[in-house]
Amino acid sequence: MIVEEIMQSDVAALSPTDTIADAMALMELRKIRHIPIIDKDGHLVGLVTVAKIREATPSIFHANEHPEILKKPLDTIMEKNVITSHPLDFVEEIAALFYEHKISCLPVINNRKLVGIVTETDLLRTMIELTGVHQPGSQIEIKVPNISGILSEIAEIIRKRKANILSVLVYPDKQDEQYKILVIRVQLMNPTGLIQDLKEAGHQVLWPNLPGMSI
């Protein structure tokens, strides 16, 4: 999946000469927490976030004492060294950027122009869609040897049960590097029969550990 598929294209942006008050009003109107700052050519020059505004503005209890602060242009508070993405970047790559740099949004740039934005909410929604947890089904975790063809064997067992695979995730077994854990979500409300089939084929089912069915 690429960034273009999950980014928001209707981006609320402001210019460097707009004021802090303008940013606060736009955030309230659009219910957003990040505003890219662009120049007259649509090129990204900065980013204003709720955190930046909170740093720059007085407490709500003293807002009337310093009205001049709200009139300051955004180029006085905006983040200028903005980490960006491209529409054709992979989603897992930008997820790593969010994690490594502890950021909450990522403007998307194409030919130097702002074309979209990805937020933490967009990433969370994408993860939910990719894992299939928003669809009725059952999750099965299987410990398998780290060898080629093993996923095909598991899929064939599921196919014989005429069950639809909603998602497949793979991660290493932390206790044994010779094994991996397959997390498969299938469109079955009762996976008991499928679990039995997997065990009879010699596979180690870690979850669900059903009563009377030892792992």
N, C-alpha and C. Protein backbone atom coordinates (compact mmCIF):
# COMPACT_ATOMS: atom_id res chain seq x y z
N MET A 1 0.85 -1.19 0.00
CA MET A 1 0.00 0.00 0.00
C MET A 1 0.89 1.24 0.00
N ILE A 2 0.52 2.22 -0.81
CA ILE A 2 1.31 3.44 -0.91
C ILE A 2 0.59 4.62 -0.25
N VAL A 3 1.35 5.67 0.02
CA VAL A 3 0.84 6.84 0.74
C VAL A 3 -0.36 7.46 0.02
N GLU A 4 -0.32 7.49 -1.29
CA GLU A 4 -1.39 8.10 -2.07
C GLU A 4 -2.75 7.50 -1.75
N GLU A 5 -2.76 6.23 -1.34
CA GLU A 5 -4.02 5.53 -1.06
C GLU A 5 -4.61 5.89 0.29
N ILE A 6 -3.81 6.41 1.21
CA ILE A 6 -4.34 6.69 2.55
C ILE A 6 -4.30 8.17 2.92
N MET A 7 -3.60 9.00 2.14
CA MET A 7 -3.46 10.41 2.52
C MET A 7 -4.76 11.18 2.33
N GLN A 8 -4.88 12.28 3.07
CA GLN A 8 -5.99 13.21 2.88
C GLN A 8 -5.58 14.24 1.83
N SER A 9 -6.35 14.32 0.75
CA SER A 9 -6.01 15.23 -0.35
C SER A 9 -6.57 16.64 -0.13
N ASP A 10 -7.66 16.73 0.61
CA ASP A 10 -8.27 18.03 0.88
C ASP A 10 -7.59 18.64 2.11
N VAL A 11 -6.45 19.27 1.87
CA VAL A 11 -5.61 19.74 2.97
C VAL A 11 -5.91 21.20 3.30
N ALA A 12 -6.16 21.47 4.56
CA ALA A 12 -6.35 22.86 5.02
C ALA A 12 -4.98 23.46 5.27
N ALA A 13 -4.62 24.48 4.49
CA ALA A 13 -3.29 25.10 4.61
C ALA A 13 -3.42 26.60 4.78
N LEU A 14 -2.36 27.22 5.31
CA LEU A 14 -2.30 28.67 5.47
C LEU A 14 -0.96 29.17 4.94
N SER A 15 -0.80 30.49 4.89
CA SER A 15 0.44 31.09 4.42
C SER A 15 1.26 31.58 5.61
N PRO A 16 2.55 31.85 5.41
CA PRO A 16 3.41 32.30 6.52
C PRO A 16 2.95 33.62 7.13
N THR A 17 2.24 34.43 6.35
CA THR A 17 1.81 35.73 6.87
C THR A 17 0.48 35.69 7.60
N ASP A 18 -0.23 34.57 7.50
CA ASP A 18 -1.44 34.43 8.30
C ASP A 18 -1.07 34.41 9.78
N THR A 19 -2.04 34.68 10.62
CA THR A 19 -1.74 34.84 12.05
C THR A 19 -2.05 33.59 12.87
N ILE A 20 -1.57 33.63 14.10
CA ILE A 20 -1.87 32.55 15.04
C ILE A 20 -3.39 32.44 15.23
N ALA A 21 -4.05 33.58 15.28
CA ALA A 21 -5.52 33.58 15.41
C ALA A 21 -6.16 32.89 14.22
N ASP A 22 -5.63 33.10 13.02
CA ASP A 22 -6.15 32.43 11.82
C ASP A 22 -6.01 30.92 11.95
N ALA A 23 -4.87 30.48 12.44
CA ALA A 23 -4.62 29.05 12.59
C ALA A 23 -5.56 28.43 13.62
N MET A 24 -5.76 29.13 14.72
CA MET A 24 -6.65 28.62 15.76
C MET A 24 -8.09 28.51 15.24
N ALA A 25 -8.52 29.50 14.46
CA ALA A 25 -9.87 29.49 13.91
C ALA A 25 -10.03 28.35 12.91
N LEU A 26 -9.01 28.11 12.07
CA LEU A 26 -9.08 27.04 11.08
C LEU A 26 -9.08 25.67 11.74
N MET A 27 -8.29 25.53 12.79
CA MET A 27 -8.27 24.26 13.51
C MET A 27 -9.62 23.96 14.14
N GLU A 28 -10.25 24.97 14.67
CA GLU A 28 -11.57 24.80 15.28
C GLU A 28 -12.61 24.48 14.22
N LEU A 29 -12.53 25.16 13.08
CA LEU A 29 -13.51 24.95 12.01
C LEU A 29 -13.40 23.56 11.40
N ARG A 30 -12.16 23.13 11.12
CA ARG A 30 -11.95 21.85 10.44
C ARG A 30 -11.72 20.68 11.40
N LYS A 31 -11.67 20.96 12.69
CA LYS A 31 -11.41 19.92 13.69
C LYS A 31 -10.11 19.18 13.40
N ILE A 32 -9.04 19.95 13.20
CA ILE A 32 -7.74 19.39 12.88
C ILE A 32 -6.70 19.88 13.88
N ARG A 33 -5.52 19.23 13.86
CA ARG A 33 -4.45 19.58 14.80
C ARG A 33 -3.15 19.96 14.09
N HIS A 34 -3.16 19.92 12.75
CA HIS A 34 -1.95 20.22 11.99
C HIS A 34 -2.31 21.08 10.78
N ILE A 35 -1.53 22.12 10.54
CA ILE A 35 -1.77 22.97 9.37
C ILE A 35 -0.45 23.18 8.61
N PRO A 36 -0.34 22.63 7.41
CA PRO A 36 0.84 22.91 6.59
C PRO A 36 0.84 24.39 6.18
N ILE A 37 2.00 24.98 6.10
CA ILE A 37 2.15 26.38 5.69
C ILE A 37 2.80 26.39 4.31
N ILE A 38 2.14 27.03 3.36
CA ILE A 38 2.63 27.04 1.98
C ILE A 38 2.81 28.47 1.48
N ASP A 39 3.70 28.62 0.49
CA ASP A 39 3.88 29.94 -0.11
C ASP A 39 2.90 30.12 -1.26
N LYS A 40 3.03 31.22 -2.00
CA LYS A 40 2.06 31.53 -3.06
C LYS A 40 2.10 30.53 -4.21
N ASP A 41 3.18 29.74 -4.32
CA ASP A 41 3.29 28.74 -5.38
C ASP A 41 2.85 27.36 -4.93
N GLY A 42 2.37 27.26 -3.70
CA GLY A 42 1.92 25.97 -3.19
C GLY A 42 3.03 25.11 -2.64
N HIS A 43 4.22 25.67 -2.46
CA HIS A 43 5.35 24.94 -1.92
C HIS A 43 5.30 24.94 -0.40
N LEU A 44 5.56 23.80 0.19
CA LEU A 44 5.55 23.69 1.65
C LEU A 44 6.74 24.44 2.24
N VAL A 45 6.47 25.32 3.21
CA VAL A 45 7.55 26.08 3.86
C VAL A 45 7.56 25.88 5.37
N GLY A 46 6.52 25.23 5.90
CA GLY A 46 6.49 25.04 7.35
C GLY A 46 5.28 24.23 7.79
N LEU A 47 5.19 24.04 9.08
CA LEU A 47 4.09 23.27 9.66
C LEU A 47 3.76 23.85 11.03
N VAL A 48 2.45 24.07 11.26
CA VAL A 48 1.99 24.55 12.57
C VAL A 48 1.11 23.46 13.18
N THR A 49 1.37 23.15 14.41
CA THR A 49 0.60 22.14 15.11
C THR A 49 -0.05 22.75 16.35
N VAL A 50 -0.97 22.01 16.94
CA VAL A 50 -1.59 22.45 18.18
C VAL A 50 -0.54 22.70 19.26
N ALA A 51 0.47 21.82 19.30
CA ALA A 51 1.52 21.97 20.31
C ALA A 51 2.29 23.27 20.12
N LYS A 52 2.58 23.65 18.86
CA LYS A 52 3.28 24.90 18.60
C LYS A 52 2.46 26.10 19.05
N ILE A 53 1.15 26.04 18.80
CA ILE A 53 0.27 27.14 19.20
C ILE A 53 0.20 27.25 20.72
N ARG A 54 0.14 26.11 21.39
CA ARG A 54 0.09 26.13 22.85
C ARG A 54 1.36 26.71 23.44
N GLU A 55 2.51 26.44 22.79
CA GLU A 55 3.77 26.99 23.27
C GLU A 55 3.80 28.51 23.11
N ALA A 56 3.16 29.00 22.04
CA ALA A 56 3.26 30.42 21.70
C ALA A 56 2.21 31.29 22.36
N THR A 57 1.08 30.72 22.74
CA THR A 57 -0.03 31.53 23.24
C THR A 57 -0.13 31.45 24.76
N PRO A 58 -0.70 32.46 25.36
CA PRO A 58 -0.87 32.48 26.82
C PRO A 58 -1.97 31.51 27.25
N SER A 59 -2.01 31.27 28.51
CA SER A 59 -3.07 30.45 29.08
C SER A 59 -4.44 31.06 28.76
N ILE A 60 -5.44 30.20 28.66
CA ILE A 60 -6.79 30.71 28.38
C ILE A 60 -7.27 31.66 29.47
N PHE A 61 -6.64 31.57 30.65
CA PHE A 61 -7.04 32.44 31.75
C PHE A 61 -6.43 33.85 31.60
N HIS A 62 -5.44 33.98 30.69
CA HIS A 62 -4.78 35.28 30.52
C HIS A 62 -4.78 35.73 29.06
N ALA A 63 -5.63 35.11 28.24
CA ALA A 63 -5.64 35.41 26.80
C ALA A 63 -5.93 36.89 26.53
N ASN A 64 -6.80 37.49 27.33
CA ASN A 64 -7.18 38.89 27.08
C ASN A 64 -6.06 39.87 27.42
N GLU A 65 -5.06 39.40 28.19
CA GLU A 65 -3.98 40.30 28.59
C GLU A 65 -2.93 40.47 27.50
N HIS A 66 -2.89 39.53 26.51
CA HIS A 66 -1.86 39.58 25.47
C HIS A 66 -2.47 39.34 24.09
N PRO A 67 -3.40 40.21 23.65
CA PRO A 67 -4.03 40.00 22.34
C PRO A 67 -3.05 40.12 21.18
N GLU A 68 -1.91 40.81 21.39
CA GLU A 68 -0.94 40.99 20.32
C GLU A 68 -0.29 39.66 19.89
N ILE A 69 -0.25 38.70 20.81
CA ILE A 69 0.36 37.41 20.49
C ILE A 69 -0.42 36.70 19.38
N LEU A 70 -1.75 36.81 19.44
CA LEU A 70 -2.58 36.13 18.44
C LEU A 70 -2.44 36.76 17.06
N LYS A 71 -1.88 37.96 17.00
CA LYS A 71 -1.71 38.65 15.71
C LYS A 71 -0.35 38.35 15.07
N LYS A 72 0.47 37.56 15.76
CA LYS A 72 1.79 37.23 15.21
C LYS A 72 1.64 36.35 13.96
N PRO A 73 2.49 36.56 12.95
CA PRO A 73 2.43 35.71 11.75
C PRO A 73 2.93 34.30 12.07
N LEU A 74 2.45 33.36 11.30
CA LEU A 74 2.77 31.96 11.57
C LEU A 74 4.23 31.63 11.33
N ASP A 75 4.91 32.41 10.53
CA ASP A 75 6.32 32.11 10.29
C ASP A 75 7.17 32.34 11.54
N THR A 76 6.59 32.92 12.58
CA THR A 76 7.33 33.12 13.83
C THR A 76 7.24 31.90 14.74
N ILE A 77 6.30 31.01 14.49
CA ILE A 77 6.15 29.84 15.36
C ILE A 77 6.20 28.52 14.61
N MET A 78 6.12 28.53 13.29
CA MET A 78 6.01 27.29 12.53
C MET A 78 7.31 26.49 12.55
N GLU A 79 7.16 25.17 12.46
CA GLU A 79 8.30 24.28 12.30
C GLU A 79 8.76 24.38 10.84
N LYS A 80 10.04 24.68 10.63
CA LYS A 80 10.52 24.88 9.27
C LYS A 80 11.24 23.66 8.70
N ASN A 81 11.81 22.85 9.57
CA ASN A 81 12.46 21.62 9.11
C ASN A 81 11.45 20.47 9.17
N VAL A 82 10.59 20.43 8.16
CA VAL A 82 9.47 19.49 8.17
C VAL A 82 9.84 18.19 7.46
N ILE A 83 9.58 17.08 8.12
CA ILE A 83 9.76 15.77 7.48
C ILE A 83 8.56 15.54 6.56
N THR A 84 8.83 15.16 5.33
CA THR A 84 7.75 15.00 4.35
C THR A 84 7.78 13.61 3.72
N SER A 85 6.76 13.35 2.92
CA SER A 85 6.65 12.08 2.21
C SER A 85 6.28 12.35 0.76
N HIS A 86 6.33 11.31 -0.05
CA HIS A 86 5.93 11.37 -1.46
C HIS A 86 4.73 10.45 -1.65
N PRO A 87 3.82 10.77 -2.57
CA PRO A 87 2.63 9.92 -2.76
C PRO A 87 2.94 8.45 -3.05
N LEU A 88 4.11 8.16 -3.61
CA LEU A 88 4.44 6.78 -3.98
C LEU A 88 5.29 6.07 -2.93
N ASP A 89 5.53 6.72 -1.79
CA ASP A 89 6.22 6.04 -0.69
C ASP A 89 5.32 4.94 -0.14
N PHE A 90 5.94 3.91 0.44
CA PHE A 90 5.17 2.82 1.04
C PHE A 90 4.70 3.22 2.44
N VAL A 91 3.51 2.78 2.79
CA VAL A 91 2.93 3.14 4.08
C VAL A 91 3.79 2.65 5.24
N GLU A 92 4.34 1.43 5.12
CA GLU A 92 5.16 0.91 6.22
C GLU A 92 6.42 1.75 6.43
N GLU A 93 6.91 2.38 5.35
CA GLU A 93 8.10 3.23 5.48
C GLU A 93 7.77 4.52 6.24
N ILE A 94 6.62 5.11 5.94
CA ILE A 94 6.28 6.34 6.66
C ILE A 94 5.87 6.04 8.09
N ALA A 95 5.33 4.84 8.34
CA ALA A 95 5.01 4.46 9.72
C ALA A 95 6.29 4.43 10.55
N ALA A 96 7.39 3.99 9.94
CA ALA A 96 8.68 3.99 10.64
C ALA A 96 9.13 5.41 10.94
N LEU A 97 8.85 6.35 10.02
CA LEU A 97 9.20 7.76 10.26
C LEU A 97 8.42 8.32 11.44
N PHE A 98 7.13 8.01 11.51
CA PHE A 98 6.30 8.45 12.64
C PHE A 98 6.91 7.96 13.95
N TYR A 99 7.32 6.70 13.95
CA TYR A 99 7.85 6.08 15.17
C TYR A 99 9.22 6.64 15.53
N GLU A 100 10.13 6.74 14.55
CA GLU A 100 11.50 7.15 14.82
C GLU A 100 11.59 8.63 15.23
N HIS A 101 10.79 9.47 14.58
CA HIS A 101 10.90 10.91 14.82
C HIS A 101 9.83 11.44 15.77
N LYS A 102 8.94 10.54 16.22
CA LYS A 102 7.89 10.93 17.18
C LYS A 102 7.06 12.11 16.65
N ILE A 103 6.63 11.98 15.40
CA ILE A 103 5.81 13.01 14.78
C ILE A 103 4.35 12.56 14.73
N SER A 104 3.46 13.53 14.54
CA SER A 104 2.03 13.20 14.53
C SER A 104 1.38 13.40 13.17
N CYS A 105 2.15 13.95 12.21
CA CYS A 105 1.62 14.08 10.86
C CYS A 105 2.78 14.16 9.87
N LEU A 106 2.46 13.93 8.60
CA LEU A 106 3.47 13.93 7.56
C LEU A 106 2.88 14.58 6.30
N PRO A 107 3.28 15.81 5.97
CA PRO A 107 2.82 16.40 4.71
C PRO A 107 3.34 15.59 3.53
N VAL A 108 2.55 15.51 2.47
CA VAL A 108 2.92 14.74 1.28
C VAL A 108 3.23 15.72 0.15
N ILE A 109 4.42 15.58 -0.43
CA ILE A 109 4.91 16.53 -1.42
C ILE A 109 5.13 15.83 -2.76
N ASN A 110 4.73 16.50 -3.85
CA ASN A 110 5.02 16.01 -5.20
C ASN A 110 5.43 17.21 -6.06
N ASN A 111 6.61 17.13 -6.67
CA ASN A 111 7.14 18.26 -7.44
C ASN A 111 7.18 19.54 -6.60
N ARG A 112 7.60 19.37 -5.35
CA ARG A 112 7.77 20.46 -4.38
C ARG A 112 6.45 21.05 -3.89
N LYS A 113 5.32 20.58 -4.41
CA LYS A 113 4.02 21.14 -4.00
C LYS A 113 3.29 20.21 -3.03
N LEU A 114 2.56 20.82 -2.11
CA LEU A 114 1.78 20.07 -1.14
C LEU A 114 0.58 19.42 -1.84
N VAL A 115 0.47 18.09 -1.73
CA VAL A 115 -0.64 17.37 -2.37
C VAL A 115 -1.47 16.57 -1.38
N GLY A 116 -1.02 16.49 -0.13
CA GLY A 116 -1.79 15.71 0.84
C GLY A 116 -1.14 15.74 2.22
N ILE A 117 -1.75 15.04 3.14
CA ILE A 117 -1.21 14.93 4.50
C ILE A 117 -1.65 13.59 5.09
N VAL A 118 -0.77 12.99 5.88
CA VAL A 118 -1.08 11.75 6.59
C VAL A 118 -0.92 12.02 8.07
N THR A 119 -1.90 11.62 8.86
CA THR A 119 -1.86 11.82 10.31
C THR A 119 -1.81 10.47 11.02
N GLU A 120 -1.61 10.52 12.33
CA GLU A 120 -1.61 9.30 13.13
C GLU A 120 -2.94 8.57 12.98
N THR A 121 -4.03 9.32 12.89
CA THR A 121 -5.35 8.70 12.72
C THR A 121 -5.45 7.94 11.41
N ASP A 122 -4.87 8.49 10.34
CA ASP A 122 -4.89 7.81 9.05
C ASP A 122 -4.12 6.48 9.13
N LEU A 123 -2.98 6.50 9.83
CA LEU A 123 -2.19 5.27 9.97
C LEU A 123 -2.94 4.23 10.79
N LEU A 124 -3.60 4.67 11.86
CA LEU A 124 -4.35 3.74 12.70
C LEU A 124 -5.50 3.13 11.93
N ARG A 125 -6.22 3.96 11.16
CA ARG A 125 -7.32 3.45 10.35
C ARG A 125 -6.82 2.43 9.32
N THR A 126 -5.67 2.71 8.72
CA THR A 126 -5.09 1.81 7.73
C THR A 126 -4.72 0.48 8.37
N MET A 127 -4.14 0.53 9.57
CA MET A 127 -3.76 -0.70 10.26
C MET A 127 -5.00 -1.56 10.55
N ILE A 128 -6.07 -0.91 10.97
CA ILE A 128 -7.32 -1.64 11.25
C ILE A 128 -7.84 -2.30 9.98
N GLU A 129 -7.78 -1.57 8.87
CA GLU A 129 -8.26 -2.13 7.60
C GLU A 129 -7.38 -3.28 7.13
N LEU A 130 -6.05 -3.12 7.28
CA LEU A 130 -5.14 -4.16 6.82
C LEU A 130 -5.26 -5.44 7.63
N THR A 131 -5.50 -5.30 8.93
CA THR A 131 -5.61 -6.50 9.77
C THR A 131 -6.99 -7.13 9.72
N GLY A 132 -7.97 -6.40 9.17
CA GLY A 132 -9.30 -6.97 9.02
C GLY A 132 -10.10 -7.07 10.30
N VAL A 133 -9.67 -6.40 11.38
CA VAL A 133 -10.36 -6.54 12.66
C VAL A 133 -11.72 -5.87 12.66
N HIS A 134 -11.99 -5.03 11.65
CA HIS A 134 -13.30 -4.37 11.58
C HIS A 134 -14.34 -5.27 10.91
N GLN A 135 -13.91 -6.46 10.45
CA GLN A 135 -14.83 -7.39 9.82
C GLN A 135 -15.05 -8.60 10.73
N PRO A 136 -16.26 -9.18 10.72
CA PRO A 136 -16.52 -10.36 11.54
C PRO A 136 -15.60 -11.51 11.14
N GLY A 137 -15.03 -12.17 12.12
CA GLY A 137 -14.13 -13.28 11.81
C GLY A 137 -13.41 -13.75 13.05
N SER A 138 -12.44 -14.63 12.83
CA SER A 138 -11.66 -15.21 13.93
C SER A 138 -10.18 -15.07 13.65
N GLN A 139 -9.41 -14.86 14.70
CA GLN A 139 -7.96 -14.75 14.56
C GLN A 139 -7.29 -16.02 15.05
N ILE A 140 -6.36 -16.54 14.25
CA ILE A 140 -5.63 -17.75 14.61
C ILE A 140 -4.14 -17.46 14.52
N GLU A 141 -3.40 -17.83 15.57
CA GLU A 141 -1.95 -17.66 15.57
C GLU A 141 -1.29 -19.04 15.52
N ILE A 142 -0.34 -19.18 14.59
CA ILE A 142 0.29 -20.47 14.35
C ILE A 142 1.81 -20.30 14.36
N LYS A 143 2.50 -21.13 15.11
CA LYS A 143 3.95 -21.14 15.12
C LYS A 143 4.43 -22.10 14.05
N VAL A 144 5.23 -21.57 13.10
CA VAL A 144 5.65 -22.39 11.96
C VAL A 144 7.16 -22.26 11.76
N PRO A 145 7.80 -23.28 11.15
CA PRO A 145 9.23 -23.18 10.83
C PRO A 145 9.46 -22.07 9.81
N ASN A 146 10.59 -21.41 9.92
CA ASN A 146 10.93 -20.32 9.00
C ASN A 146 11.50 -20.90 7.71
N ILE A 147 10.63 -21.52 6.92
CA ILE A 147 11.04 -22.15 5.67
C ILE A 147 10.07 -21.74 4.56
N SER A 148 10.52 -21.83 3.32
CA SER A 148 9.67 -21.45 2.20
C SER A 148 8.54 -22.45 2.01
N GLY A 149 7.39 -21.94 1.58
CA GLY A 149 6.26 -22.81 1.27
C GLY A 149 5.30 -23.08 2.42
N ILE A 150 5.68 -22.67 3.63
CA ILE A 150 4.84 -23.00 4.78
C ILE A 150 3.52 -22.25 4.75
N LEU A 151 3.54 -21.00 4.29
CA LEU A 151 2.30 -20.23 4.21
C LEU A 151 1.34 -20.86 3.21
N SER A 152 1.89 -21.38 2.13
CA SER A 152 1.06 -22.05 1.12
C SER A 152 0.36 -23.26 1.72
N GLU A 153 1.08 -24.01 2.57
CA GLU A 153 0.48 -25.19 3.22
C GLU A 153 -0.69 -24.77 4.11
N ILE A 154 -0.49 -23.71 4.89
CA ILE A 154 -1.54 -23.23 5.78
C ILE A 154 -2.75 -22.76 4.97
N ALA A 155 -2.48 -22.02 3.88
CA ALA A 155 -3.56 -21.51 3.05
C ALA A 155 -4.38 -22.63 2.42
N GLU A 156 -3.72 -23.73 2.07
CA GLU A 156 -4.42 -24.86 1.47
C GLU A 156 -5.37 -25.51 2.47
N ILE A 157 -4.94 -25.60 3.72
CA ILE A 157 -5.82 -26.15 4.76
C ILE A 157 -7.04 -25.27 4.95
N ILE A 158 -6.82 -23.95 4.94
CA ILE A 158 -7.92 -23.01 5.09
C ILE A 158 -8.86 -23.09 3.89
N ARG A 159 -8.27 -23.25 2.69
CA ARG A 159 -9.08 -23.33 1.46
C ARG A 159 -10.03 -24.52 1.52
N LYS A 160 -9.54 -25.65 2.05
CA LYS A 160 -10.37 -26.86 2.13
C LYS A 160 -11.56 -26.65 3.06
N ARG A 161 -11.42 -25.74 3.99
CA ARG A 161 -12.53 -25.40 4.88
C ARG A 161 -13.45 -24.34 4.26
N LYS A 162 -13.09 -23.93 3.02
CA LYS A 162 -13.86 -22.89 2.32
C LYS A 162 -13.99 -21.61 3.14
N ALA A 163 -12.91 -21.29 3.84
CA ALA A 163 -12.88 -20.07 4.65
C ALA A 163 -12.11 -18.98 3.91
N ASN A 164 -12.61 -17.77 3.98
CA ASN A 164 -11.96 -16.64 3.33
C ASN A 164 -10.92 -16.02 4.27
N ILE A 165 -9.70 -15.80 3.75
CA ILE A 165 -8.64 -15.18 4.54
C ILE A 165 -8.80 -13.66 4.46
N LEU A 166 -8.96 -13.01 5.62
CA LEU A 166 -9.12 -11.56 5.66
C LEU A 166 -7.78 -10.84 5.73
N SER A 167 -6.82 -11.41 6.44
CA SER A 167 -5.50 -10.79 6.54
C SER A 167 -4.49 -11.81 7.04
N VAL A 168 -3.22 -11.54 6.73
CA VAL A 168 -2.12 -12.38 7.20
C VAL A 168 -0.99 -11.48 7.67
N LEU A 169 -0.54 -11.66 8.90
CA LEU A 169 0.62 -10.95 9.43
C LEU A 169 1.66 -11.98 9.84
N VAL A 170 2.93 -11.63 9.66
CA VAL A 170 4.02 -12.54 10.01
C VAL A 170 5.02 -11.78 10.87
N TYR A 171 5.42 -12.38 11.98
CA TYR A 171 6.48 -11.77 12.78
C TYR A 171 7.35 -12.87 13.37
N PRO A 172 8.62 -12.58 13.66
CA PRO A 172 9.54 -13.62 14.15
C PRO A 172 9.20 -14.07 15.55
N ASP A 173 9.49 -15.34 15.82
CA ASP A 173 9.35 -15.87 17.17
C ASP A 173 10.54 -15.35 17.98
N LYS A 174 10.29 -14.58 19.02
CA LYS A 174 11.36 -13.95 19.79
C LYS A 174 12.18 -14.98 20.58
N GLN A 175 11.60 -16.17 20.79
CA GLN A 175 12.30 -17.17 21.58
C GLN A 175 13.09 -18.15 20.71
N ASP A 176 12.79 -18.19 19.41
CA ASP A 176 13.47 -19.14 18.52
C ASP A 176 13.48 -18.57 17.11
N GLU A 177 14.66 -18.15 16.65
CA GLU A 177 14.75 -17.51 15.33
C GLU A 177 14.50 -18.48 14.18
N GLN A 178 14.42 -19.75 14.48
CA GLN A 178 14.12 -20.74 13.44
C GLN A 178 12.62 -20.82 13.14
N TYR A 179 11.82 -20.07 13.88
CA TYR A 179 10.36 -20.11 13.72
C TYR A 179 9.80 -18.71 13.52
N LYS A 180 8.62 -18.67 12.95
CA LYS A 180 7.86 -17.43 12.81
C LYS A 180 6.44 -17.66 13.32
N ILE A 181 5.77 -16.57 13.62
CA ILE A 181 4.37 -16.64 14.05
C ILE A 181 3.50 -16.07 12.93
N LEU A 182 2.56 -16.88 12.46
CA LEU A 182 1.58 -16.42 11.49
C LEU A 182 0.32 -16.01 12.22
N VAL A 183 -0.14 -14.79 11.97
CA VAL A 183 -1.40 -14.33 12.55
C VAL A 183 -2.38 -14.19 11.39
N ILE A 184 -3.32 -15.11 11.34
CA ILE A 184 -4.25 -15.17 10.21
C ILE A 184 -5.66 -14.88 10.70
N ARG A 185 -6.32 -13.95 10.04
CA ARG A 185 -7.72 -13.65 10.36
C ARG A 185 -8.58 -14.23 9.25
N VAL A 186 -9.49 -15.11 9.63
CA VAL A 186 -10.34 -15.81 8.66
C VAL A 186 -11.80 -15.48 8.91
N GLN A 187 -12.58 -15.56 7.84
CA GLN A 187 -14.00 -15.22 7.92
C GLN A 187 -14.79 -16.43 8.40
N LEU A 188 -14.53 -16.79 9.64
CA LEU A 188 -15.22 -17.88 10.32
C LEU A 188 -15.56 -17.43 11.73
N MET A 189 -16.80 -17.61 12.13
CA MET A 189 -17.17 -17.24 13.49
C MET A 189 -16.81 -18.36 14.46
N ASN A 190 -16.77 -19.59 13.97
CA ASN A 190 -16.38 -20.73 14.80
C ASN A 190 -15.20 -21.44 14.14
N PRO A 191 -13.97 -21.20 14.62
CA PRO A 191 -12.79 -21.76 13.96
C PRO A 191 -12.38 -23.14 14.47
N THR A 192 -13.22 -23.76 15.30
CA THR A 192 -12.84 -25.02 15.94
C THR A 192 -12.40 -26.07 14.93
N GLY A 193 -13.19 -26.27 13.87
CA GLY A 193 -12.86 -27.28 12.87
C GLY A 193 -11.55 -26.98 12.17
N LEU A 194 -11.33 -25.72 11.84
CA LEU A 194 -10.10 -25.33 11.16
C LEU A 194 -8.89 -25.54 12.07
N ILE A 195 -9.03 -25.22 13.34
CA ILE A 195 -7.94 -25.43 14.29
C ILE A 195 -7.59 -26.91 14.38
N GLN A 196 -8.61 -27.75 14.40
CA GLN A 196 -8.38 -29.18 14.45
C GLN A 196 -7.65 -29.66 13.20
N ASP A 197 -8.05 -29.13 12.05
CA ASP A 197 -7.38 -29.48 10.79
C ASP A 197 -5.90 -29.09 10.82
N LEU A 198 -5.62 -27.90 11.33
CA LEU A 198 -4.24 -27.42 11.39
C LEU A 198 -3.40 -28.30 12.31
N LYS A 199 -3.97 -28.69 13.43
CA LYS A 199 -3.23 -29.53 14.37
C LYS A 199 -3.00 -30.92 13.82
N GLU A 200 -4.00 -31.45 13.13
CA GLU A 200 -3.85 -32.78 12.54
C GLU A 200 -2.79 -32.78 11.45
N ALA A 201 -2.58 -31.61 10.83
CA ALA A 201 -1.54 -31.50 9.81
C ALA A 201 -0.16 -31.25 10.42
N GLY A 202 -0.10 -31.20 11.76
CA GLY A 202 1.18 -31.06 12.44
C GLY A 202 1.59 -29.65 12.78
N HIS A 203 0.66 -28.70 12.65
CA HIS A 203 0.99 -27.30 12.92
C HIS A 203 0.65 -26.95 14.38
N GLN A 204 1.46 -26.06 14.95
CA GLN A 204 1.29 -25.66 16.35
C GLN A 204 0.46 -24.39 16.44
N VAL A 205 -0.78 -24.55 16.89
CA VAL A 205 -1.69 -23.41 17.03
C VAL A 205 -1.51 -22.80 18.42
N LEU A 206 -1.12 -21.54 18.44
CA LEU A 206 -0.92 -20.85 19.72
C LEU A 206 -2.19 -20.19 20.23
N TRP A 207 -3.03 -19.74 19.28
CA TRP A 207 -4.26 -19.05 19.66
C TRP A 207 -5.30 -19.25 18.57
N PRO A 208 -6.55 -19.50 18.95
CA PRO A 208 -7.07 -19.62 20.33
C PRO A 208 -6.75 -20.98 20.92
N ASN A 209 -6.47 -20.97 22.22
CA ASN A 209 -6.22 -22.22 22.96
C ASN A 209 -7.54 -22.67 23.55
N LEU A 210 -8.31 -23.42 22.76
CA LEU A 210 -9.67 -23.78 23.16
C LEU A 210 -9.67 -24.87 24.22
N PRO A 211 -10.66 -24.82 25.14
CA PRO A 211 -10.77 -25.85 26.18
C PRO A 211 -10.85 -27.24 25.55
N GLY A 212 -10.07 -28.17 26.10
CA GLY A 212 -10.11 -29.54 25.61
C GLY A 212 -9.26 -29.76 24.38
N MET A 213 -8.61 -28.69 23.89
CA MET A 213 -7.76 -28.81 22.70
C MET A 213 -6.37 -28.31 23.08
N SER A 214 -5.52 -29.18 23.57
CA SER A 214 -4.20 -28.76 24.03
C SER A 214 -3.35 -28.33 22.85
N ILE A 215 -2.44 -27.37 23.10
CA ILE A 215 -1.54 -26.91 22.05
C ILE A 215 -0.24 -27.68 22.10
